[in-house]
Amino acid sequence: MTKNPYTVVGAGAIGGTLAAHLDAQGVPVQVVDADPKHVEAIRRNGLQIKSPSGTLVARVPAYSLEDAPARLDRVLLAVKAHATDKAAAWIAPRLSRDGYVASLQNGLNEATIAEHVGADRTVAAFVDLFADVLEPGVINDGGIGAMALGEYSGGTSQRVRELAEDLRHWGEPRVTDNVAGFLWSKLGFGAMLAATALADADMHELIDRHRPAMNELAAEVFDLAAAEGIVLEAFDAFDPSAYVRGADPKKNSAATDDLVTWLSTQSKTRSGIWRDIAVRHRGTEIPSHYGPVIEMGTQRGVPLPLVEELVTAIRELENGRSSMDEAHLADLDRMALAVSESVSLAGKNAAR
């Protein structure tokens, strides 16, 4: 029995790449996107995924929000985090009784989706994918990363296993009951990558040169994860255990060396946040990613001073009140060293 196609809502860097690989696997897929130029280019020339090995072209049905199918079954949501609420509201009346929405996005978006379609029709997902939209209909695939899939309401299921199998052409998705552990690990890693957008240089170079800031950003996120009872998961070249508060300095240094080396091998050298600001001149996902994290930290009594400063600095760049400069990272380094010293002193006083 032939199943209805997957519908990828948001055919940008993540969604477009996955849609093309589903098509290459022989899995029926269609895409919906809010950008009429992107939709027209896909209709005219196919969805083109460029990589060092060549160009993958997917001839898939492409729709705008206005002419999209009235019924959707298996939805892969890949819009920017700040568009999640609006997109989920658009999907909800179209979603079949047995359908579901999988959040193939950056950030913590499952709760927002579940508010519209129900927790039982929400699939949690983590994806670490290096890609950028180069022009309408054309995406640059910067390298395969990791993916994890599970049920938002807990556990795993046959539909999650089927989704993982259907995505095998892209990579090797892991089916797990701890997607949250991957999402929170990526929030720590993502804060490091976001910080590199404060300067006009490659990610691996800036992470290498500004280790105090990078360590503290990740540690703050992981302080909150610990308060939330999250068990962090490693992925790709990122080991979160090397960045938790109090991690062995030698382990941390070696982990950062490995991370810097791995990032230097990726064909995508700048973050999507950098591209949003420097190339596309638009707002980023950072406030949507870390605003809820900061709010949770306030509720839990977990301070996140560097994360707050990062969000403020990114907003300044978005609004044109600041410009990219490595001095911003030097400021974060100084702030990180002061915070680290304060935390260490507090720990010593508590031990007396």
C-alpha atoms as a PDB file:
ATOM      1  CA  MET A   1       0.000   0.000   0.000  1.00  0.00           C
ATOM      2  CA  THR A   2       1.463   3.330  -1.102  1.00  0.00           C
ATOM      3  CA  LYS A   3       1.540   5.911   1.659  1.00  0.00           C
ATOM      4  CA  ASN A   4       0.716   9.559   1.167  1.00  0.00           C
ATOM      5  CA  PRO A   5       3.828  11.698   0.671  1.00  0.00           C
ATOM      6  CA  TYR A   6       5.831  13.423   3.327  1.00  0.00           C
ATOM      7  CA  THR A   7       5.198  17.150   3.265  1.00  0.00           C
ATOM      8  CA  VAL A   8       8.217  19.283   4.063  1.00  0.00           C
ATOM      9  CA  VAL A   9       7.024  22.668   5.311  1.00  0.00           C
ATOM     10  CA  GLY A  10       9.935  25.062   4.929  1.00  0.00           C
ATOM     11  CA  ALA A  11      12.120  23.914   2.039  1.00  0.00           C
ATOM     12  CA  GLY A  12      15.205  25.865   3.080  1.00  0.00           C
ATOM     13  CA  ALA A  13      18.591  24.587   4.197  1.00  0.00           C
ATOM     14  CA  ILE A  14      17.353  21.725   6.389  1.00  0.00           C
ATOM     15  CA  GLY A  15      13.987  21.012   4.796  1.00  0.00           C
ATOM     16  CA  GLY A  16      15.175  21.277   1.213  1.00  0.00           C
ATOM     17  CA  THR A  17      18.163  19.023   1.809  1.00  0.00           C
ATOM     18  CA  LEU A  18      16.084  16.334   3.504  1.00  0.00           C
ATOM     19  CA  ALA A  19      13.336  16.536   0.867  1.00  0.00           C
ATOM     20  CA  ALA A  20      15.879  15.939  -1.896  1.00  0.00           C
ATOM     21  CA  HIS A  21      17.319  12.921  -0.092  1.00  0.00           C
ATOM     22  CA  LEU A  22      13.864  11.473   0.548  1.00  0.00           C
ATOM     23  CA  ASP A  23      13.212  11.777  -3.186  1.00  0.00           C
ATOM     24  CA  ALA A  24      16.555  10.139  -3.976  1.00  0.00           C
ATOM     25  CA  GLN A  25      15.555   7.261  -1.679  1.00  0.00           C
ATOM     26  CA  GLY A  26      12.409   6.807  -3.783  1.00  0.00           C
ATOM     27  CA  VAL A  27      10.150   8.083  -0.982  1.00  0.00           C
ATOM     28  CA  PRO A  28       7.213  10.290  -2.075  1.00  0.00           C
ATOM     29  CA  VAL A  29       7.723  13.860  -0.867  1.00  0.00           C
ATOM     30  CA  GLN A  30       6.327  17.322  -1.565  1.00  0.00           C
ATOM     31  CA  VAL A  31       7.447  20.718  -0.302  1.00  0.00           C
ATOM     32  CA  VAL A  32       5.654  23.845   0.876  1.00  0.00           C
ATOM     33  CA  ASP A  33       7.441  27.160   1.249  1.00  0.00           C
ATOM     34  CA  ALA A  34       6.409  30.754   1.961  1.00  0.00           C
ATOM     35  CA  ASP A  35       8.919  32.214  -0.530  1.00  0.00           C
ATOM     36  CA  PRO A  36       7.250  32.379  -3.973  1.00  0.00           C
ATOM     37  CA  LYS A  37      10.612  32.736  -5.749  1.00  0.00           C
ATOM     38  CA  HIS A  38      11.909  29.577  -4.083  1.00  0.00           C
ATOM     39  CA  VAL A  39       8.755  27.661  -4.992  1.00  0.00           C
ATOM     40  CA  GLU A  40       8.871  28.831  -8.628  1.00  0.00           C
ATOM     41  CA  ALA A  41      12.550  27.911  -8.961  1.00  0.00           C
ATOM     42  CA  ILE A  42      11.873  24.403  -7.625  1.00  0.00           C
ATOM     43  CA  ARG A  43       8.970  23.982 -10.031  1.00  0.00           C
ATOM     44  CA  ARG A  44      11.075  25.179 -12.954  1.00  0.00           C
ATOM     45  CA  ASN A  45      14.478  23.599 -12.297  1.00  0.00           C
ATOM     46  CA  GLY A  46      13.944  21.113  -9.490  1.00  0.00           C
ATOM     47  CA  LEU A  47      15.330  21.332  -5.973  1.00  0.00           C
ATOM     48  CA  GLN A  48      19.108  21.450  -6.411  1.00  0.00           C
ATOM     49  CA  ILE A  49      21.447  20.337  -3.625  1.00  0.00           C
ATOM     50  CA  LYS A  50      25.083  21.186  -4.338  1.00  0.00           C
ATOM     51  CA  SER A  51      27.916  19.370  -2.590  1.00  0.00           C
ATOM     52  CA  PRO A  52      31.581  18.584  -3.290  1.00  0.00           C
ATOM     53  CA  SER A  53      30.455  15.313  -4.912  1.00  0.00           C
ATOM     54  CA  GLY A  54      28.121  17.015  -7.379  1.00  0.00           C
ATOM     55  CA  THR A  55      24.548  18.299  -7.605  1.00  0.00           C
ATOM     56  CA  LEU A  56      21.527  16.280  -6.509  1.00  0.00           C
ATOM     57  CA  VAL A  57      18.386  17.411  -8.342  1.00  0.00           C
ATOM     58  CA  ALA A  58      14.964  16.479  -6.956  1.00  0.00           C
ATOM     59  CA  ARG A  59      11.902  16.995  -9.143  1.00  0.00           C
ATOM     60  CA  VAL A  60       9.333  17.220  -6.368  1.00  0.00           C
ATOM     61  CA  PRO A  61       5.917  18.917  -6.205  1.00  0.00           C
ATOM     62  CA  ALA A  62       6.334  22.415  -4.742  1.00  0.00           C
ATOM     63  CA  TYR A  63       3.561  24.558  -3.284  1.00  0.00           C
ATOM     64  CA  SER A  64       3.062  27.975  -1.789  1.00  0.00           C
ATOM     65  CA  LEU A  65       0.982  28.441   1.366  1.00  0.00           C
ATOM     66  CA  GLU A  66      -1.970  29.451  -0.822  1.00  0.00           C
ATOM     67  CA  ASP A  67      -2.107  26.451  -3.178  1.00  0.00           C
ATOM     68  CA  ALA A  68      -0.855  23.716  -0.826  1.00  0.00           C
ATOM     69  CA  PRO A  69      -2.845  20.485  -0.458  1.00  0.00           C
ATOM     70  CA  ALA A  70      -5.823  20.698   1.877  1.00  0.00           C
ATOM     71  CA  ARG A  71      -4.847  17.455   3.657  1.00  0.00           C
ATOM     72  CA  LEU A  72      -1.425  16.668   5.091  1.00  0.00           C
ATOM     73  CA  ASP A  73      -0.325  13.410   6.680  1.00  0.00           C
ATOM     74  CA  ARG A  74       3.372  13.171   7.543  1.00  0.00           C
ATOM     75  CA  VAL A  75       4.744  16.674   7.985  1.00  0.00           C
ATOM     76  CA  LEU A  76       8.425  17.503   8.422  1.00  0.00           C
ATOM     77  CA  LEU A  77       8.506  21.030   9.788  1.00  0.00           C
ATOM     78  CA  ALA A  78      11.729  22.854   8.943  1.00  0.00           C
ATOM     79  CA  VAL A  79      10.927  26.553   9.272  1.00  0.00           C
ATOM     80  CA  LYS A  80      12.955  28.977  11.379  1.00  0.00           C
ATOM     81  CA  ALA A  81      12.206  28.710  15.093  1.00  0.00           C
ATOM     82  CA  HIS A  82      10.464  32.088  15.263  1.00  0.00           C
ATOM     83  CA  ALA A  83       8.025  30.943  12.542  1.00  0.00           C
ATOM     84  CA  THR A  84       7.035  27.740  14.361  1.00  0.00           C
ATOM     85  CA  ASP A  85       3.849  29.025  15.985  1.00  0.00           C
ATOM     86  CA  LYS A  86       2.480  30.471  12.750  1.00  0.00           C
ATOM     87  CA  ALA A  87       3.457  27.399  10.725  1.00  0.00           C
ATOM     88  CA  ALA A  88       1.948  24.961  13.236  1.00  0.00           C
ATOM     89  CA  ALA A  89      -1.289  26.961  13.240  1.00  0.00           C
ATOM     90  CA  TRP A  90      -1.354  26.692   9.434  1.00  0.00           C
ATOM     91  CA  ILE A  91      -0.705  22.936   9.533  1.00  0.00           C
ATOM     92  CA  ALA A  92      -3.170  22.010  12.306  1.00  0.00           C
ATOM     93  CA  PRO A  93      -6.481  22.210  10.356  1.00  0.00           C
ATOM     94  CA  ARG A  94      -4.912  20.319   7.435  1.00  0.00           C
ATOM     95  CA  LEU A  95      -3.351  17.500   9.448  1.00  0.00           C
ATOM     96  CA  SER A  96      -5.091  14.146   9.149  1.00  0.00           C
ATOM     97  CA  ARG A  97      -6.265  12.279  12.238  1.00  0.00           C
ATOM     98  CA  ASP A  98      -3.400   9.774  11.884  1.00  0.00           C
ATOM     99  CA  GLY A  99      -0.863  12.353  10.742  1.00  0.00           C
ATOM    100  CA  TYR A 100       2.022  13.858  12.685  1.00  0.00           C
ATOM    101  CA  VAL A 101       4.447  16.771  12.651  1.00  0.00           C
ATOM    102  CA  ALA A 102       8.174  16.182  13.152  1.00  0.00           C
ATOM    103  CA  SER A 103      10.198  19.207  14.249  1.00  0.00           C
ATOM    104  CA  LEU A 104      13.304  19.075  12.057  1.00  0.00           C
ATOM    105  CA  GLN A 105      14.412  22.479  13.278  1.00  0.00           C
ATOM    106  CA  ASN A 106      16.933  24.199  15.481  1.00  0.00           C
ATOM    107  CA  GLY A 107      15.879  24.963  19.046  1.00  0.00           C
ATOM    108  CA  LEU A 108      13.156  23.673  21.378  1.00  0.00           C
ATOM    109  CA  ASN A 109      10.010  23.818  19.240  1.00  0.00           C
ATOM    110  CA  GLU A 110       8.091  20.653  20.049  1.00  0.00           C
ATOM    111  CA  ALA A 111       5.983  22.197  22.816  1.00  0.00           C
ATOM    112  CA  THR A 112       4.784  24.933  20.470  1.00  0.00           C
ATOM    113  CA  ILE A 113       3.862  22.382  17.817  1.00  0.00           C
ATOM    114  CA  ALA A 114       2.062  20.219  20.373  1.00  0.00           C
ATOM    115  CA  GLU A 115      -0.080  23.184  21.422  1.00  0.00           C
ATOM    116  CA  HIS A 116      -1.555  23.167  17.920  1.00  0.00           C
ATOM    117  CA  VAL A 117      -1.685  19.488  16.920  1.00  0.00           C
ATOM    118  CA  GLY A 118      -1.416  17.619  20.250  1.00  0.00           C
ATOM    119  CA  ALA A 119       1.504  15.852  21.888  1.00  0.00           C
ATOM    120  CA  ASP A 120       0.422  12.514  20.397  1.00  0.00           C
ATOM    121  CA  ARG A 121       0.865  13.919  16.878  1.00  0.00           C
ATOM    122  CA  THR A 122       4.235  15.547  17.572  1.00  0.00           C
ATOM    123  CA  VAL A 123       7.553  13.832  16.813  1.00  0.00           C
ATOM    124  CA  ALA A 124      10.683  15.181  18.487  1.00  0.00           C
ATOM    125  CA  ALA A 125      13.773  15.456  16.346  1.00  0.00           C
ATOM    126  CA  PHE A 126      17.352  16.659  16.512  1.00  0.00           C
ATOM    127  CA  VAL A 127      19.254  17.401  13.321  1.00  0.00           C
ATOM    128  CA  ASP A 128      22.795  18.696  12.911  1.00  0.00           C
ATOM    129  CA  LEU A 129      22.926  19.629   9.254  1.00  0.00           C
ATOM    130  CA  PHE A 130      25.393  21.987   7.573  1.00  0.00           C
ATOM    131  CA  ALA A 131      23.641  23.684   4.654  1.00  0.00           C
ATOM    132  CA  ASP A 132      22.756  27.106   3.264  1.00  0.00           C
ATOM    133  CA  VAL A 133      20.296  28.397   0.676  1.00  0.00           C
ATOM    134  CA  LEU A 134      22.453  29.945  -2.041  1.00  0.00           C
ATOM    135  CA  GLU A 135      19.622  31.249  -4.213  1.00  0.00           C
ATOM    136  CA  PRO A 136      16.002  30.280  -4.911  1.00  0.00           C
ATOM    137  CA  GLY A 137      15.872  26.544  -5.564  1.00  0.00           C
ATOM    138  CA  VAL A 138      19.575  25.989  -4.827  1.00  0.00           C
ATOM    139  CA  ILE A 139      21.035  24.731  -1.534  1.00  0.00           C
ATOM    140  CA  ASN A 140      24.652  24.140  -0.604  1.00  0.00           C
ATOM    141  CA  ASP A 141      25.110  20.953   1.429  1.00  0.00           C
ATOM    142  CA  GLY A 142      28.044  21.610   3.723  1.00  0.00           C
ATOM    143  CA  GLY A 143      28.364  18.106   5.151  1.00  0.00           C
ATOM    144  CA  ILE A 144      26.338  15.337   6.758  1.00  0.00           C
ATOM    145  CA  GLY A 145      25.888  15.552  10.505  1.00  0.00           C
ATOM    146  CA  ALA A 146      23.774  13.662  13.030  1.00  0.00           C
ATOM    147  CA  MET A 147      20.052  13.124  13.559  1.00  0.00           C
ATOM    148  CA  ALA A 148      17.945  11.663  16.363  1.00  0.00           C
ATOM    149  CA  LEU A 149      14.211  10.928  16.337  1.00  0.00           C
ATOM    150  CA  GLY A 150      11.691  10.016  19.032  1.00  0.00           C
ATOM    151  CA  GLU A 151       8.181  10.650  20.284  1.00  0.00           C
ATOM    152  CA  TYR A 152       7.588  13.998  21.980  1.00  0.00           C
ATOM    153  CA  SER A 153       5.258  12.308  24.471  1.00  0.00           C
ATOM    154  CA  GLY A 154       8.002   9.798  25.283  1.00  0.00           C
ATOM    155  CA  GLY A 155       9.543   6.639  23.895  1.00  0.00           C
ATOM    156  CA  THR A 156       9.777   5.550  20.290  1.00  0.00           C
ATOM    157  CA  SER A 157       7.283   4.174  17.770  1.00  0.00           C
ATOM    158  CA  GLN A 158       6.860   2.459  14.436  1.00  0.00           C
ATOM    159  CA  ARG A 159       6.261   5.774  12.681  1.00  0.00           C
ATOM    160  CA  VAL A 160       9.528   7.131  14.044  1.00  0.00           C
ATOM    161  CA  ARG A 161      11.385   4.034  12.907  1.00  0.00           C
ATOM    162  CA  GLU A 162       9.814   4.363   9.449  1.00  0.00           C
ATOM    163  CA  LEU A 163      10.886   8.004   9.233  1.00  0.00           C
ATOM    164  CA  ALA A 164      14.444   7.049  10.197  1.00  0.00           C
ATOM    165  CA  GLU A 165      14.491   4.358   7.521  1.00  0.00           C
ATOM    166  CA  ASP A 166      13.124   6.719   4.871  1.00  0.00           C
ATOM    167  CA  LEU A 167      15.914   9.206   5.622  1.00  0.00           C
ATOM    168  CA  ARG A 168      18.728   6.664   5.180  1.00  0.00           C
ATOM    169  CA  HIS A 169      19.826   8.228   1.894  1.00  0.00           C
ATOM    170  CA  TRP A 170      20.749  11.352   3.856  1.00  0.00           C
ATOM    171  CA  GLY A 171      22.533   9.658   6.751  1.00  0.00           C
ATOM    172  CA  GLU A 172      21.939   7.381   9.739  1.00  0.00           C
ATOM    173  CA  PRO A 173      19.186   8.800  11.975  1.00  0.00           C
ATOM    174  CA  ARG A 174      19.166   7.392  15.488  1.00  0.00           C
ATOM    175  CA  VAL A 175      15.856   6.376  17.070  1.00  0.00           C
ATOM    176  CA  THR A 176      15.925   7.226  20.777  1.00  0.00           C
ATOM    177  CA  ASP A 177      13.790   8.094  23.782  1.00  0.00           C
ATOM    178  CA  ASN A 178      16.227  10.888  24.685  1.00  0.00           C
ATOM    179  CA  VAL A 179      15.942  13.391  21.842  1.00  0.00           C
ATOM    180  CA  ALA A 180      15.936  16.094  24.532  1.00  0.00           C
ATOM    181  CA  GLY A 181      19.507  15.136  25.435  1.00  0.00           C
ATOM    182  CA  PHE A 182      20.601  15.848  21.870  1.00  0.00           C
ATOM    183  CA  LEU A 183      18.603  19.085  21.628  1.00  0.00           C
ATOM    184  CA  TRP A 184      20.147  20.489  24.802  1.00  0.00           C
ATOM    185  CA  SER A 185      23.633  19.444  23.748  1.00  0.00           C
ATOM    186  CA  LYS A 186      23.071  21.286  20.496  1.00  0.00           C
ATOM    187  CA  LEU A 187      21.876  24.359  22.390  1.00  0.00           C
ATOM    188  CA  GLY A 188      25.290  24.449  24.073  1.00  0.00           C
ATOM    189  CA  PHE A 189      27.134  23.837  20.815  1.00  0.00           C
ATOM    190  CA  GLY A 190      24.818  26.253  19.023  1.00  0.00           C
ATOM    191  CA  ALA A 191      25.649  29.044  21.467  1.00  0.00           C
ATOM    192  CA  MET A 192      29.310  28.606  20.538  1.00  0.00           C
ATOM    193  CA  LEU A 193      28.541  28.717  16.818  1.00  0.00           C
ATOM    194  CA  ALA A 194      26.226  31.713  17.265  1.00  0.00           C
ATOM    195  CA  ALA A 195      28.997  33.594  19.042  1.00  0.00           C
ATOM    196  CA  THR A 196      31.206  33.214  15.955  1.00  0.00           C
ATOM    197  CA  ALA A 197      28.686  35.366  14.052  1.00  0.00           C
ATOM    198  CA  LEU A 198      29.879  38.332  16.106  1.00  0.00           C
ATOM    199  CA  ALA A 199      33.001  38.478  13.913  1.00  0.00           C
ATOM    200  CA  ASP A 200      33.729  38.095  10.220  1.00  0.00           C
ATOM    201  CA  ALA A 201      35.901  34.980  10.299  1.00  0.00           C
ATOM    202  CA  ASP A 202      35.535  31.205  10.040  1.00  0.00           C
ATOM    203  CA  MET A 203      33.895  29.292  12.877  1.00  0.00           C
ATOM    204  CA  HIS A 204      36.813  27.016  13.688  1.00  0.00           C
ATOM    205  CA  GLU A 205      39.265  29.911  13.914  1.00  0.00           C
ATOM    206  CA  LEU A 206      37.079  31.922  16.296  1.00  0.00           C
ATOM    207  CA  ILE A 207      36.250  28.966  18.542  1.00  0.00           C
ATOM    208  CA  ASP A 208      39.964  28.190  18.764  1.00  0.00           C
ATOM    209  CA  ARG A 209      40.921  31.774  19.598  1.00  0.00           C
ATOM    210  CA  HIS A 210      38.152  32.466  22.100  1.00  0.00           C
ATOM    211  CA  ARG A 211      37.963  29.353  24.232  1.00  0.00           C
ATOM    212  CA  PRO A 212      37.014  31.072  27.529  1.00  0.00           C
ATOM    213  CA  ALA A 213      33.824  32.501  25.996  1.00  0.00           C
ATOM    214  CA  MET A 214      32.980  29.247  24.211  1.00  0.00           C
ATOM    215  CA  ASN A 215      33.477  27.174  27.357  1.00  0.00           C
ATOM    216  CA  GLU A 216      31.342  29.463  29.501  1.00  0.00           C
ATOM    217  CA  LEU A 217      28.491  29.709  26.966  1.00  0.00           C
ATOM    218  CA  ALA A 218      28.209  25.935  26.798  1.00  0.00           C
ATOM    219  CA  ALA A 219      28.635  25.542  30.573  1.00  0.00           C
ATOM    220  CA  GLU A 220      25.771  27.945  31.276  1.00  0.00           C
ATOM    221  CA  VAL A 221      23.416  26.072  28.965  1.00  0.00           C
ATOM    222  CA  PHE A 222      24.467  22.783  30.527  1.00  0.00           C
ATOM    223  CA  ASP A 223      23.988  24.161  34.061  1.00  0.00           C
ATOM    224  CA  LEU A 224      20.352  24.677  33.142  1.00  0.00           C
ATOM    225  CA  ALA A 225      20.121  21.286  31.428  1.00  0.00           C
ATOM    226  CA  ALA A 226      21.309  19.660  34.662  1.00  0.00           C
ATOM    227  CA  ALA A 227      18.672  21.596  36.625  1.00  0.00           C
ATOM    228  CA  GLU A 228      16.071  20.294  34.171  1.00  0.00           C
ATOM    229  CA  GLY A 229      17.247  16.710  34.643  1.00  0.00           C
ATOM    230  CA  ILE A 230      18.476  16.381  31.059  1.00  0.00           C
ATOM    231  CA  VAL A 231      21.007  13.661  30.226  1.00  0.00           C
ATOM    232  CA  LEU A 232      23.228  15.201  27.552  1.00  0.00           C
ATOM    233  CA  GLU A 233      24.120  13.249  24.416  1.00  0.00           C
ATOM    234  CA  ALA A 234      27.274  13.542  22.307  1.00  0.00           C
ATOM    235  CA  PHE A 235      26.990  13.988  18.542  1.00  0.00           C
ATOM    236  CA  ASP A 236      29.355  14.372  15.602  1.00  0.00           C
ATOM    237  CA  ALA A 237      32.592  15.870  17.010  1.00  0.00           C
ATOM    238  CA  PHE A 238      30.912  17.539  19.996  1.00  0.00           C
ATOM    239  CA  ASP A 239      31.264  15.965  23.443  1.00  0.00           C
ATOM    240  CA  PRO A 240      29.091  17.901  25.929  1.00  0.00           C
ATOM    241  CA  SER A 241      30.705  16.206  28.931  1.00  0.00           C
ATOM    242  CA  ALA A 242      33.875  18.188  28.174  1.00  0.00           C
ATOM    243  CA  TYR A 243      32.001  21.485  28.601  1.00  0.00           C
ATOM    244  CA  VAL A 244      29.901  20.950  31.710  1.00  0.00           C
ATOM    245  CA  ARG A 245      30.789  23.033  34.736  1.00  0.00           C
ATOM    246  CA  GLY A 246      33.877  21.629  36.432  1.00  0.00           C
ATOM    247  CA  ALA A 247      34.980  19.451  33.507  1.00  0.00           C
ATOM    248  CA  ASP A 248      38.614  18.341  33.490  1.00  0.00           C
ATOM    249  CA  PRO A 249      40.585  21.164  31.770  1.00  0.00           C
ATOM    250  CA  LYS A 250      42.682  18.650  29.837  1.00  0.00           C
ATOM    251  CA  LYS A 251      39.566  16.892  28.577  1.00  0.00           C
ATOM    252  CA  ASN A 252      38.041  20.236  27.647  1.00  0.00           C
ATOM    253  CA  SER A 253      41.148  21.336  25.766  1.00  0.00           C
ATOM    254  CA  ALA A 254      41.408  18.068  23.847  1.00  0.00           C
ATOM    255  CA  ALA A 255      37.691  18.144  22.996  1.00  0.00           C
ATOM    256  CA  THR A 256      37.975  21.683  21.668  1.00  0.00           C
ATOM    257  CA  ASP A 257      41.044  20.728  19.629  1.00  0.00           C
ATOM    258  CA  ASP A 258      39.035  17.901  18.057  1.00  0.00           C
ATOM    259  CA  LEU A 259      36.024  20.166  17.469  1.00  0.00           C
ATOM    260  CA  VAL A 260      38.152  22.854  15.826  1.00  0.00           C
ATOM    261  CA  THR A 261      39.803  20.277  13.576  1.00  0.00           C
ATOM    262  CA  TRP A 262      36.442  18.790  12.577  1.00  0.00           C
ATOM    263  CA  LEU A 263      34.915  22.182  11.804  1.00  0.00           C
ATOM    264  CA  SER A 264      37.943  23.063   9.677  1.00  0.00           C
ATOM    265  CA  THR A 265      37.156  20.100   7.402  1.00  0.00           C
ATOM    266  CA  GLN A 266      33.561  21.189   6.715  1.00  0.00           C
ATOM    267  CA  SER A 267      32.838  22.967   3.454  1.00  0.00           C
ATOM    268  CA  LYS A 268      30.485  25.276   5.362  1.00  0.00           C
ATOM    269  CA  THR A 269      32.859  27.587   7.214  1.00  0.00           C
ATOM    270  CA  ARG A 270      30.448  30.232   8.569  1.00  0.00           C
ATOM    271  CA  SER A 271      27.312  29.744  10.661  1.00  0.00           C
ATOM    272  CA  GLY A 272      23.784  30.215   9.367  1.00  0.00           C
ATOM    273  CA  ILE A 273      23.496  33.054  11.884  1.00  0.00           C
ATOM    274  CA  TRP A 274      26.454  34.804  10.247  1.00  0.00           C
ATOM    275  CA  ARG A 275      24.813  34.343   6.834  1.00  0.00           C
ATOM    276  CA  ASP A 276      21.475  35.727   8.038  1.00  0.00           C
ATOM    277  CA  ILE A 277      23.185  38.907   9.233  1.00  0.00           C
ATOM    278  CA  ALA A 278      25.991  39.412   6.715  1.00  0.00           C
ATOM    279  CA  VAL A 279      24.441  38.061   3.512  1.00  0.00           C
ATOM    280  CA  ARG A 280      20.662  37.934   3.852  1.00  0.00           C
ATOM    281  CA  HIS A 281      20.371  41.000   6.112  1.00  0.00           C
ATOM    282  CA  ARG A 282      17.536  39.570   8.172  1.00  0.00           C
ATOM    283  CA  GLY A 283      16.773  38.629  11.745  1.00  0.00           C
ATOM    284  CA  THR A 284      18.206  35.418  13.184  1.00  0.00           C
ATOM    285  CA  GLU A 285      16.798  32.541  15.205  1.00  0.00           C
ATOM    286  CA  ILE A 286      18.987  33.311  18.215  1.00  0.00           C
ATOM    287  CA  PRO A 287      16.397  35.272  20.246  1.00  0.00           C
ATOM    288  CA  SER A 288      13.860  32.484  19.601  1.00  0.00           C
ATOM    289  CA  HIS A 289      16.370  29.774  20.524  1.00  0.00           C
ATOM    290  CA  TYR A 290      17.734  31.299  23.698  1.00  0.00           C
ATOM    291  CA  GLY A 291      14.917  33.563  24.904  1.00  0.00           C
ATOM    292  CA  PRO A 292      13.055  30.522  26.317  1.00  0.00           C
ATOM    293  CA  VAL A 293      16.330  29.201  27.752  1.00  0.00           C
ATOM    294  CA  ILE A 294      16.960  32.495  29.560  1.00  0.00           C
ATOM    295  CA  GLU A 295      13.374  32.478  30.855  1.00  0.00           C
ATOM    296  CA  MET A 296      13.804  28.922  32.147  1.00  0.00           C
ATOM    297  CA  GLY A 297      17.052  29.945  33.798  1.00  0.00           C
ATOM    298  CA  THR A 298      15.273  32.782  35.599  1.00  0.00           C
ATOM    299  CA  GLN A 299      12.569  30.409  36.802  1.00  0.00           C
ATOM    300  CA  ARG A 300      15.148  27.859  37.973  1.00  0.00           C
ATOM    301  CA  GLY A 301      17.479  30.410  39.522  1.00  0.00           C
ATOM    302  CA  VAL A 302      20.264  29.415  37.123  1.00  0.00           C
ATOM    303  CA  PRO A 303      22.267  32.475  35.973  1.00  0.00           C
ATOM    304  CA  LEU A 304      23.078  32.732  32.260  1.00  0.00           C
ATOM    305  CA  PRO A 305      25.018  36.011  31.960  1.00  0.00           C
ATOM    306  CA  LEU A 306      27.024  35.140  28.846  1.00  0.00           C
ATOM    307  CA  VAL A 307      24.018  33.681  27.044  1.00  0.00           C
ATOM    308  CA  GLU A 308      22.093  36.870  27.811  1.00  0.00           C
ATOM    309  CA  GLU A 309      24.992  38.983  26.551  1.00  0.00           C
ATOM    310  CA  LEU A 310      25.203  36.877  23.378  1.00  0.00           C
ATOM    311  CA  VAL A 311      21.519  37.400  22.593  1.00  0.00           C
ATOM    312  CA  THR A 312      21.895  41.141  23.205  1.00  0.00           C
ATOM    313  CA  ALA A 313      24.964  41.339  20.958  1.00  0.00           C
ATOM    314  CA  ILE A 314      23.238  39.420  18.150  1.00  0.00           C
ATOM    315  CA  ARG A 315      20.226  41.751  18.368  1.00  0.00           C
ATOM    316  CA  GLU A 316      22.563  44.730  18.064  1.00  0.00           C
ATOM    317  CA  LEU A 317      23.987  43.259  14.856  1.00  0.00           C
ATOM    318  CA  GLU A 318      20.521  42.499  13.498  1.00  0.00           C
ATOM    319  CA  ASN A 319      19.358  46.053  14.113  1.00  0.00           C
ATOM    320  CA  GLY A 320      22.453  47.644  12.604  1.00  0.00           C
ATOM    321  CA  ARG A 321      23.466  49.261  15.884  1.00  0.00           C
ATOM    322  CA  SER A 322      26.700  47.275  15.900  1.00  0.00           C
ATOM    323  CA  SER A 323      29.015  45.671  13.361  1.00  0.00           C
ATOM    324  CA  MET A 324      30.886  42.388  13.251  1.00  0.00           C
ATOM    325  CA  ASP A 325      34.148  42.685  15.147  1.00  0.00           C
ATOM    326  CA  GLU A 326      36.282  40.142  16.962  1.00  0.00           C
ATOM    327  CA  ALA A 327      36.444  42.623  19.837  1.00  0.00           C
ATOM    328  CA  HIS A 328      32.945  41.406  20.772  1.00  0.00           C
ATOM    329  CA  LEU A 329      34.400  37.946  21.403  1.00  0.00           C
ATOM    330  CA  ALA A 330      37.292  39.386  23.343  1.00  0.00           C
ATOM    331  CA  ASP A 331      34.733  41.108  25.571  1.00  0.00           C
ATOM    332  CA  LEU A 332      32.939  37.779  26.052  1.00  0.00           C
ATOM    333  CA  ASP A 333      36.265  36.156  26.950  1.00  0.00           C
ATOM    334  CA  ARG A 334      36.869  38.720  29.705  1.00  0.00           C
ATOM    335  CA  MET A 335      33.335  38.324  30.964  1.00  0.00           C
ATOM    336  CA  ALA A 336      33.668  34.529  30.904  1.00  0.00           C
ATOM    337  CA  LEU A 337      36.873  34.580  32.935  1.00  0.00           C
ATOM    338  CA  ALA A 338      35.230  36.827  35.529  1.00  0.00           C
ATOM    339  CA  VAL A 339      32.158  34.576  35.743  1.00  0.00           C
ATOM    340  CA  SER A 340      34.305  31.456  35.990  1.00  0.00           C
ATOM    341  CA  GLU A 341      36.376  32.992  38.781  1.00  0.00           C
ATOM    342  CA  SER A 342      33.221  34.016  40.631  1.00  0.00           C
ATOM    343  CA  VAL A 343      31.737  30.512  40.338  1.00  0.00           C
ATOM    344  CA  SER A 344      35.001  28.961  41.526  1.00  0.00           C
ATOM    345  CA  LEU A 345      35.169  31.309  44.519  1.00  0.00           C
ATOM    346  CA  ALA A 346      31.546  30.553  45.429  1.00  0.00           C
ATOM    347  CA  GLY A 347      32.305  26.841  45.280  1.00  0.00           C
ATOM    348  CA  LYS A 348      35.301  27.211  47.586  1.00  0.00           C
ATOM    349  CA  ASN A 349      33.302  29.257  50.089  1.00  0.00           C
ATOM    350  CA  ALA A 350      30.486  26.704  50.046  1.00  0.00           C
ATOM    351  CA  ALA A 351      32.999  23.918  50.740  1.00  0.00           C
ATOM    352  CA  ARG A 352      34.328  25.603  53.878  1.00  0.00           C
END
